[in-house]
Amino acid sequence: MFNNPAVTAKVGALGEHLRFHGVLPDAVRELVILRCSQVSGVTYEWGHHVPMALKAGVSQAQIDALKDWPSSEAFDAKERAALRVADEVTRDGGASAEGMAALQALFPPEAQVELVLTASFYACVGRFLNSFAVELEPWFKG
């Protein structure tokens, strides 16, 4: 991405805002990012965000259960709604009416916007990283 500095600056600014200046609880945001990474098969993003998720309060048990989150007891109602939307946005290209209704019941409007945008942003980042075959740095491997 650094081959196009103007685009990199704009994309980076949005990512920075979502990660550091948003209204979503840090743990919810990181769960959404991890799930988008998992659904997209993006090891680069997964590798970078697991430590961030743990620091944000996501438990190792939640990370371990993420692959089969619908049948796991490790997530509360807000996390389940967020994970559903992350799945739908990443896998289906957009959240369903039911997914949005769950968000609307549990999150204020500004958090709804941010959650859908976060899932959309990280689905985009994942597609970019996969397209350019960006590998996880050696110090994150293993």
N, C-alpha and C. Protein backbone atom coordinates (compact mmCIF):
# COMPACT_ATOMS: atom_id res chain seq x y z
N MET A 1 0.82 -1.19 0.00
CA MET A 1 0.00 0.00 0.00
C MET A 1 0.87 1.25 0.00
N PHE A 2 2.07 1.14 0.53
CA PHE A 2 2.95 2.30 0.59
C PHE A 2 3.43 2.74 -0.79
N ASN A 3 3.14 1.96 -1.83
CA ASN A 3 3.44 2.39 -3.19
C ASN A 3 2.49 3.49 -3.65
N ASN A 4 1.46 3.75 -2.88
CA ASN A 4 0.54 4.85 -3.16
C ASN A 4 0.33 5.62 -1.86
N PRO A 5 1.26 6.53 -1.55
CA PRO A 5 1.22 7.22 -0.25
C PRO A 5 -0.06 8.00 0.04
N ALA A 6 -0.67 8.59 -0.98
CA ALA A 6 -1.89 9.35 -0.74
C ALA A 6 -3.02 8.44 -0.26
N VAL A 7 -3.17 7.30 -0.90
CA VAL A 7 -4.20 6.34 -0.48
C VAL A 7 -3.86 5.78 0.90
N THR A 8 -2.61 5.46 1.11
CA THR A 8 -2.18 4.91 2.40
C THR A 8 -2.52 5.86 3.54
N ALA A 9 -2.31 7.14 3.33
CA ALA A 9 -2.60 8.14 4.38
C ALA A 9 -4.09 8.16 4.71
N LYS A 10 -4.93 8.11 3.69
CA LYS A 10 -6.39 8.16 3.92
C LYS A 10 -6.89 6.88 4.57
N VAL A 11 -6.43 5.73 4.07
CA VAL A 11 -6.83 4.45 4.65
C VAL A 11 -6.33 4.37 6.09
N GLY A 12 -5.10 4.78 6.31
CA GLY A 12 -4.53 4.76 7.66
C GLY A 12 -5.29 5.65 8.62
N ALA A 13 -5.73 6.80 8.15
CA ALA A 13 -6.49 7.72 9.02
C ALA A 13 -7.81 7.10 9.45
N LEU A 14 -8.49 6.43 8.53
CA LEU A 14 -9.75 5.78 8.89
C LEU A 14 -9.49 4.64 9.88
N GLY A 15 -8.49 3.82 9.60
CA GLY A 15 -8.16 2.73 10.51
C GLY A 15 -7.79 3.23 11.89
N GLU A 16 -7.01 4.29 11.94
CA GLU A 16 -6.61 4.88 13.23
C GLU A 16 -7.83 5.39 13.99
N HIS A 17 -8.74 6.05 13.28
CA HIS A 17 -9.95 6.55 13.95
C HIS A 17 -10.76 5.38 14.54
N LEU A 18 -10.97 4.36 13.73
CA LEU A 18 -11.76 3.22 14.20
C LEU A 18 -11.12 2.54 15.40
N ARG A 19 -9.81 2.42 15.42
CA ARG A 19 -9.11 1.71 16.49
C ARG A 19 -8.91 2.54 17.74
N PHE A 20 -8.69 3.84 17.60
CA PHE A 20 -8.28 4.63 18.76
C PHE A 20 -9.24 5.74 19.17
N HIS A 21 -10.19 6.08 18.33
CA HIS A 21 -11.05 7.23 18.64
C HIS A 21 -12.54 6.93 18.49
N GLY A 22 -12.88 5.66 18.44
CA GLY A 22 -14.27 5.28 18.24
C GLY A 22 -15.04 5.15 19.53
N VAL A 23 -16.30 4.79 19.38
CA VAL A 23 -17.19 4.66 20.53
C VAL A 23 -17.42 3.20 20.93
N LEU A 24 -17.05 2.26 20.10
CA LEU A 24 -17.23 0.85 20.45
C LEU A 24 -16.31 0.46 21.60
N PRO A 25 -16.78 -0.41 22.47
CA PRO A 25 -15.87 -0.95 23.48
C PRO A 25 -14.71 -1.66 22.78
N ASP A 26 -13.51 -1.50 23.31
CA ASP A 26 -12.32 -2.07 22.67
C ASP A 26 -12.46 -3.57 22.42
N ALA A 27 -12.99 -4.30 23.38
CA ALA A 27 -13.11 -5.75 23.23
C ALA A 27 -14.06 -6.11 22.08
N VAL A 28 -15.16 -5.40 21.95
CA VAL A 28 -16.11 -5.66 20.86
C VAL A 28 -15.44 -5.37 19.52
N ARG A 29 -14.77 -4.24 19.44
CA ARG A 29 -14.07 -3.89 18.19
C ARG A 29 -13.06 -4.98 17.82
N GLU A 30 -12.27 -5.42 18.77
CA GLU A 30 -11.25 -6.42 18.46
C GLU A 30 -11.86 -7.77 18.10
N LEU A 31 -12.97 -8.14 18.73
CA LEU A 31 -13.65 -9.36 18.33
C LEU A 31 -14.13 -9.27 16.88
N VAL A 32 -14.67 -8.12 16.50
CA VAL A 32 -15.12 -7.92 15.12
C VAL A 32 -13.93 -8.05 14.16
N ILE A 33 -12.82 -7.41 14.49
CA ILE A 33 -11.64 -7.48 13.62
C ILE A 33 -11.13 -8.91 13.51
N LEU A 34 -11.04 -9.60 14.64
CA LEU A 34 -10.57 -10.99 14.60
C LEU A 34 -11.51 -11.86 13.77
N ARG A 35 -12.80 -11.67 13.94
CA ARG A 35 -13.74 -12.51 13.19
C ARG A 35 -13.66 -12.22 11.70
N CYS A 36 -13.55 -10.95 11.32
CA CYS A 36 -13.38 -10.61 9.90
C CYS A 36 -12.12 -11.26 9.36
N SER A 37 -11.05 -11.21 10.13
CA SER A 37 -9.79 -11.83 9.72
C SER A 37 -9.95 -13.34 9.56
N GLN A 38 -10.65 -13.94 10.49
CA GLN A 38 -10.84 -15.38 10.46
C GLN A 38 -11.69 -15.80 9.26
N VAL A 39 -12.78 -15.11 9.03
CA VAL A 39 -13.67 -15.44 7.91
C VAL A 39 -12.94 -15.25 6.57
N SER A 40 -12.11 -14.22 6.49
CA SER A 40 -11.37 -13.93 5.26
C SER A 40 -10.09 -14.75 5.11
N GLY A 41 -9.68 -15.43 6.16
CA GLY A 41 -8.43 -16.18 6.11
C GLY A 41 -7.20 -15.30 6.05
N VAL A 42 -7.23 -14.20 6.80
CA VAL A 42 -6.13 -13.23 6.77
C VAL A 42 -5.25 -13.43 8.00
N THR A 43 -4.19 -14.20 7.85
CA THR A 43 -3.31 -14.48 8.98
C THR A 43 -2.55 -13.25 9.43
N TYR A 44 -2.26 -12.33 8.52
CA TYR A 44 -1.55 -11.11 8.89
C TYR A 44 -2.36 -10.32 9.93
N GLU A 45 -3.61 -10.06 9.61
CA GLU A 45 -4.46 -9.27 10.51
C GLU A 45 -4.72 -10.03 11.81
N TRP A 46 -4.96 -11.33 11.70
CA TRP A 46 -5.18 -12.15 12.89
C TRP A 46 -3.96 -12.07 13.81
N GLY A 47 -2.78 -12.26 13.24
CA GLY A 47 -1.55 -12.24 14.03
C GLY A 47 -1.33 -10.94 14.76
N HIS A 48 -1.67 -9.83 14.12
CA HIS A 48 -1.48 -8.53 14.75
C HIS A 48 -2.56 -8.21 15.79
N HIS A 49 -3.76 -8.72 15.57
CA HIS A 49 -4.87 -8.31 16.44
C HIS A 49 -5.12 -9.25 17.62
N VAL A 50 -4.60 -10.46 17.62
CA VAL A 50 -4.76 -11.30 18.81
C VAL A 50 -4.16 -10.62 20.04
N PRO A 51 -2.92 -10.12 20.00
CA PRO A 51 -2.39 -9.43 21.19
C PRO A 51 -3.21 -8.19 21.56
N MET A 52 -3.69 -7.47 20.56
CA MET A 52 -4.51 -6.28 20.84
C MET A 52 -5.83 -6.69 21.50
N ALA A 53 -6.40 -7.79 21.04
CA ALA A 53 -7.66 -8.27 21.62
C ALA A 53 -7.46 -8.67 23.07
N LEU A 54 -6.40 -9.39 23.35
CA LEU A 54 -6.12 -9.79 24.73
C LEU A 54 -5.93 -8.56 25.62
N LYS A 55 -5.22 -7.58 25.12
CA LYS A 55 -5.01 -6.33 25.87
C LYS A 55 -6.32 -5.58 26.09
N ALA A 56 -7.25 -5.71 25.14
CA ALA A 56 -8.54 -5.02 25.22
C ALA A 56 -9.53 -5.74 26.13
N GLY A 57 -9.16 -6.92 26.63
CA GLY A 57 -10.04 -7.63 27.54
C GLY A 57 -10.73 -8.85 26.96
N VAL A 58 -10.45 -9.18 25.72
CA VAL A 58 -10.98 -10.41 25.13
C VAL A 58 -10.22 -11.57 25.77
N SER A 59 -10.93 -12.58 26.21
CA SER A 59 -10.27 -13.71 26.87
C SER A 59 -9.71 -14.69 25.83
N GLN A 60 -8.72 -15.44 26.26
CA GLN A 60 -8.18 -16.49 25.38
C GLN A 60 -9.27 -17.51 25.05
N ALA A 61 -10.17 -17.76 26.00
CA ALA A 61 -11.28 -18.69 25.74
C ALA A 61 -12.18 -18.16 24.62
N GLN A 62 -12.41 -16.85 24.59
CA GLN A 62 -13.22 -16.28 23.51
C GLN A 62 -12.48 -16.41 22.17
N ILE A 63 -11.19 -16.13 22.17
CA ILE A 63 -10.42 -16.26 20.93
C ILE A 63 -10.48 -17.70 20.44
N ASP A 64 -10.32 -18.64 21.35
CA ASP A 64 -10.36 -20.05 20.99
C ASP A 64 -11.75 -20.46 20.47
N ALA A 65 -12.80 -19.84 20.98
CA ALA A 65 -14.18 -20.19 20.60
C ALA A 65 -14.68 -19.43 19.38
N LEU A 66 -13.91 -18.49 18.89
CA LEU A 66 -14.38 -17.60 17.84
C LEU A 66 -14.79 -18.33 16.56
N LYS A 67 -14.08 -19.37 16.21
CA LYS A 67 -14.38 -20.09 14.97
C LYS A 67 -15.81 -20.64 14.97
N ASP A 68 -16.30 -21.03 16.13
CA ASP A 68 -17.65 -21.58 16.25
C ASP A 68 -18.47 -20.76 17.26
N TRP A 69 -18.38 -19.43 17.14
CA TRP A 69 -19.01 -18.56 18.12
C TRP A 69 -20.52 -18.77 18.27
N PRO A 70 -21.28 -19.11 17.20
CA PRO A 70 -22.73 -19.24 17.42
C PRO A 70 -23.11 -20.32 18.44
N SER A 71 -22.29 -21.34 18.57
CA SER A 71 -22.62 -22.40 19.53
C SER A 71 -21.85 -22.28 20.84
N SER A 72 -21.12 -21.19 21.02
CA SER A 72 -20.32 -21.00 22.23
C SER A 72 -21.05 -20.17 23.26
N GLU A 73 -20.78 -20.48 24.51
CA GLU A 73 -21.33 -19.72 25.64
C GLU A 73 -20.39 -18.58 26.06
N ALA A 74 -19.30 -18.39 25.32
CA ALA A 74 -18.26 -17.44 25.74
C ALA A 74 -18.59 -15.99 25.43
N PHE A 75 -19.70 -15.73 24.74
CA PHE A 75 -19.99 -14.37 24.27
C PHE A 75 -21.34 -13.89 24.80
N ASP A 76 -21.36 -12.60 25.20
CA ASP A 76 -22.62 -12.02 25.66
C ASP A 76 -23.46 -11.56 24.47
N ALA A 77 -24.63 -11.01 24.75
CA ALA A 77 -25.57 -10.63 23.68
C ALA A 77 -24.98 -9.59 22.74
N LYS A 78 -24.30 -8.58 23.28
CA LYS A 78 -23.69 -7.55 22.43
C LYS A 78 -22.61 -8.15 21.53
N GLU A 79 -21.77 -8.99 22.11
CA GLU A 79 -20.69 -9.62 21.33
C GLU A 79 -21.27 -10.52 20.25
N ARG A 80 -22.33 -11.24 20.55
CA ARG A 80 -22.96 -12.12 19.57
C ARG A 80 -23.55 -11.31 18.41
N ALA A 81 -24.20 -10.21 18.74
CA ALA A 81 -24.76 -9.35 17.68
C ALA A 81 -23.65 -8.79 16.80
N ALA A 82 -22.57 -8.36 17.44
CA ALA A 82 -21.43 -7.81 16.69
C ALA A 82 -20.79 -8.88 15.81
N LEU A 83 -20.62 -10.08 16.34
CA LEU A 83 -20.02 -11.17 15.56
C LEU A 83 -20.91 -11.58 14.40
N ARG A 84 -22.21 -11.57 14.61
CA ARG A 84 -23.12 -11.90 13.52
C ARG A 84 -22.95 -10.90 12.37
N VAL A 85 -22.93 -9.63 12.70
CA VAL A 85 -22.77 -8.60 11.67
C VAL A 85 -21.39 -8.72 11.01
N ALA A 86 -20.35 -8.99 11.80
CA ALA A 86 -19.02 -9.19 11.22
C ALA A 86 -19.04 -10.32 10.21
N ASP A 87 -19.67 -11.43 10.55
CA ASP A 87 -19.80 -12.55 9.62
C ASP A 87 -20.53 -12.14 8.35
N GLU A 88 -21.67 -11.49 8.53
CA GLU A 88 -22.50 -11.14 7.37
C GLU A 88 -21.81 -10.14 6.46
N VAL A 89 -21.21 -9.12 7.04
CA VAL A 89 -20.52 -8.12 6.23
C VAL A 89 -19.36 -8.75 5.47
N THR A 90 -18.58 -9.58 6.16
CA THR A 90 -17.39 -10.17 5.55
C THR A 90 -17.75 -11.25 4.54
N ARG A 91 -18.66 -12.11 4.91
CA ARG A 91 -19.00 -13.26 4.07
C ARG A 91 -20.03 -12.92 2.99
N ASP A 92 -21.03 -12.11 3.35
CA ASP A 92 -22.17 -11.89 2.46
C ASP A 92 -22.17 -10.52 1.79
N GLY A 93 -21.25 -9.64 2.19
CA GLY A 93 -21.19 -8.32 1.59
C GLY A 93 -22.05 -7.27 2.26
N GLY A 94 -22.78 -7.65 3.29
CA GLY A 94 -23.59 -6.69 4.03
C GLY A 94 -24.36 -7.38 5.13
N ALA A 95 -24.76 -6.60 6.11
CA ALA A 95 -25.52 -7.14 7.24
C ALA A 95 -26.96 -7.37 6.84
N SER A 96 -27.54 -8.43 7.37
CA SER A 96 -28.95 -8.74 7.13
C SER A 96 -29.84 -7.80 7.95
N ALA A 97 -31.12 -7.78 7.61
CA ALA A 97 -32.09 -7.00 8.38
C ALA A 97 -32.13 -7.49 9.82
N GLU A 98 -32.03 -8.80 10.01
CA GLU A 98 -32.04 -9.37 11.36
C GLU A 98 -30.78 -8.98 12.13
N GLY A 99 -29.65 -9.00 11.45
CA GLY A 99 -28.40 -8.59 12.09
C GLY A 99 -28.45 -7.14 12.51
N MET A 100 -28.97 -6.29 11.64
CA MET A 100 -29.08 -4.87 11.98
C MET A 100 -30.08 -4.64 13.10
N ALA A 101 -31.16 -5.41 13.12
CA ALA A 101 -32.14 -5.27 14.20
C ALA A 101 -31.50 -5.61 15.55
N ALA A 102 -30.66 -6.64 15.56
CA ALA A 102 -29.96 -7.00 16.80
C ALA A 102 -29.04 -5.87 17.24
N LEU A 103 -28.32 -5.27 16.29
CA LEU A 103 -27.46 -4.13 16.64
C LEU A 103 -28.28 -2.98 17.20
N GLN A 104 -29.39 -2.69 16.52
CA GLN A 104 -30.23 -1.56 16.93
C GLN A 104 -30.80 -1.76 18.33
N ALA A 105 -31.04 -3.01 18.72
CA ALA A 105 -31.58 -3.28 20.05
C ALA A 105 -30.53 -3.15 21.15
N LEU A 106 -29.24 -3.25 20.78
CA LEU A 106 -28.19 -3.34 21.79
C LEU A 106 -27.16 -2.21 21.78
N PHE A 107 -27.07 -1.48 20.68
CA PHE A 107 -26.05 -0.45 20.54
C PHE A 107 -26.70 0.88 20.15
N PRO A 108 -26.16 1.99 20.63
CA PRO A 108 -26.65 3.30 20.18
C PRO A 108 -26.31 3.50 18.70
N PRO A 109 -27.00 4.43 18.03
CA PRO A 109 -26.80 4.62 16.60
C PRO A 109 -25.34 4.83 16.17
N GLU A 110 -24.59 5.65 16.93
CA GLU A 110 -23.20 5.90 16.52
C GLU A 110 -22.35 4.64 16.60
N ALA A 111 -22.64 3.77 17.55
CA ALA A 111 -21.91 2.50 17.66
C ALA A 111 -22.32 1.53 16.55
N GLN A 112 -23.58 1.57 16.14
CA GLN A 112 -24.04 0.74 15.03
C GLN A 112 -23.26 1.08 13.76
N VAL A 113 -23.18 2.39 13.48
CA VAL A 113 -22.44 2.85 12.30
C VAL A 113 -20.99 2.39 12.38
N GLU A 114 -20.39 2.60 13.53
CA GLU A 114 -18.97 2.26 13.69
C GLU A 114 -18.73 0.75 13.58
N LEU A 115 -19.63 -0.04 14.11
CA LEU A 115 -19.46 -1.48 14.05
C LEU A 115 -19.53 -1.98 12.60
N VAL A 116 -20.54 -1.54 11.86
CA VAL A 116 -20.65 -1.95 10.46
C VAL A 116 -19.47 -1.43 9.65
N LEU A 117 -19.05 -0.21 9.92
CA LEU A 117 -17.91 0.35 9.21
C LEU A 117 -16.62 -0.39 9.57
N THR A 118 -16.45 -0.77 10.83
CA THR A 118 -15.26 -1.53 11.23
C THR A 118 -15.22 -2.87 10.52
N ALA A 119 -16.34 -3.58 10.50
CA ALA A 119 -16.38 -4.87 9.79
C ALA A 119 -16.10 -4.66 8.30
N SER A 120 -16.67 -3.63 7.72
CA SER A 120 -16.45 -3.35 6.30
C SER A 120 -15.01 -2.98 6.01
N PHE A 121 -14.43 -2.16 6.88
CA PHE A 121 -13.04 -1.73 6.71
C PHE A 121 -12.10 -2.92 6.79
N TYR A 122 -12.28 -3.78 7.79
CA TYR A 122 -11.36 -4.91 7.94
C TYR A 122 -11.61 -6.01 6.91
N ALA A 123 -12.82 -6.11 6.38
CA ALA A 123 -13.05 -7.01 5.24
C ALA A 123 -12.27 -6.48 4.03
N CYS A 124 -12.29 -5.17 3.84
CA CYS A 124 -11.54 -4.53 2.75
C CYS A 124 -10.04 -4.73 2.94
N VAL A 125 -9.56 -4.46 4.14
CA VAL A 125 -8.13 -4.64 4.43
C VAL A 125 -7.73 -6.08 4.18
N GLY A 126 -8.56 -7.01 4.61
CA GLY A 126 -8.26 -8.42 4.40
C GLY A 126 -8.17 -8.78 2.93
N ARG A 127 -9.08 -8.26 2.14
CA ARG A 127 -9.04 -8.54 0.69
C ARG A 127 -7.78 -7.94 0.07
N PHE A 128 -7.40 -6.76 0.54
CA PHE A 128 -6.16 -6.14 0.05
C PHE A 128 -4.95 -6.99 0.42
N LEU A 129 -4.85 -7.36 1.68
CA LEU A 129 -3.69 -8.14 2.15
C LEU A 129 -3.62 -9.49 1.44
N ASN A 130 -4.76 -10.14 1.26
CA ASN A 130 -4.76 -11.42 0.54
C ASN A 130 -4.38 -11.24 -0.92
N SER A 131 -4.85 -10.18 -1.56
CA SER A 131 -4.55 -9.94 -2.97
C SER A 131 -3.07 -9.74 -3.21
N PHE A 132 -2.42 -9.04 -2.29
CA PHE A 132 -0.99 -8.79 -2.42
C PHE A 132 -0.13 -9.82 -1.68
N ALA A 133 -0.78 -10.87 -1.18
CA ALA A 133 -0.09 -11.96 -0.47
C ALA A 133 0.85 -11.43 0.61
N VAL A 134 0.35 -10.47 1.40
CA VAL A 134 1.15 -9.90 2.49
C VAL A 134 1.26 -10.94 3.59
N GLU A 135 2.49 -11.27 3.94
CA GLU A 135 2.74 -12.28 4.96
C GLU A 135 2.98 -11.65 6.32
N LEU A 136 2.63 -12.40 7.33
CA LEU A 136 2.89 -11.98 8.70
C LEU A 136 4.40 -11.88 8.91
N GLU A 137 4.83 -10.83 9.59
CA GLU A 137 6.26 -10.65 9.86
C GLU A 137 6.80 -11.85 10.63
N PRO A 138 8.07 -12.19 10.43
CA PRO A 138 8.65 -13.38 11.09
C PRO A 138 8.52 -13.36 12.62
N TRP A 139 8.59 -12.18 13.23
CA TRP A 139 8.51 -12.14 14.68
C TRP A 139 7.11 -12.42 15.21
N PHE A 140 6.09 -12.43 14.36
CA PHE A 140 4.74 -12.81 14.78
C PHE A 140 4.47 -14.29 14.54
N LYS A 141 5.33 -14.96 13.77
CA LYS A 141 5.09 -16.37 13.45
C LYS A 141 5.44 -17.25 14.64
N GLY A 142 4.74 -18.38 14.70
CA GLY A 142 5.04 -19.36 15.75
C GLY A 142 4.31 -19.04 16.99
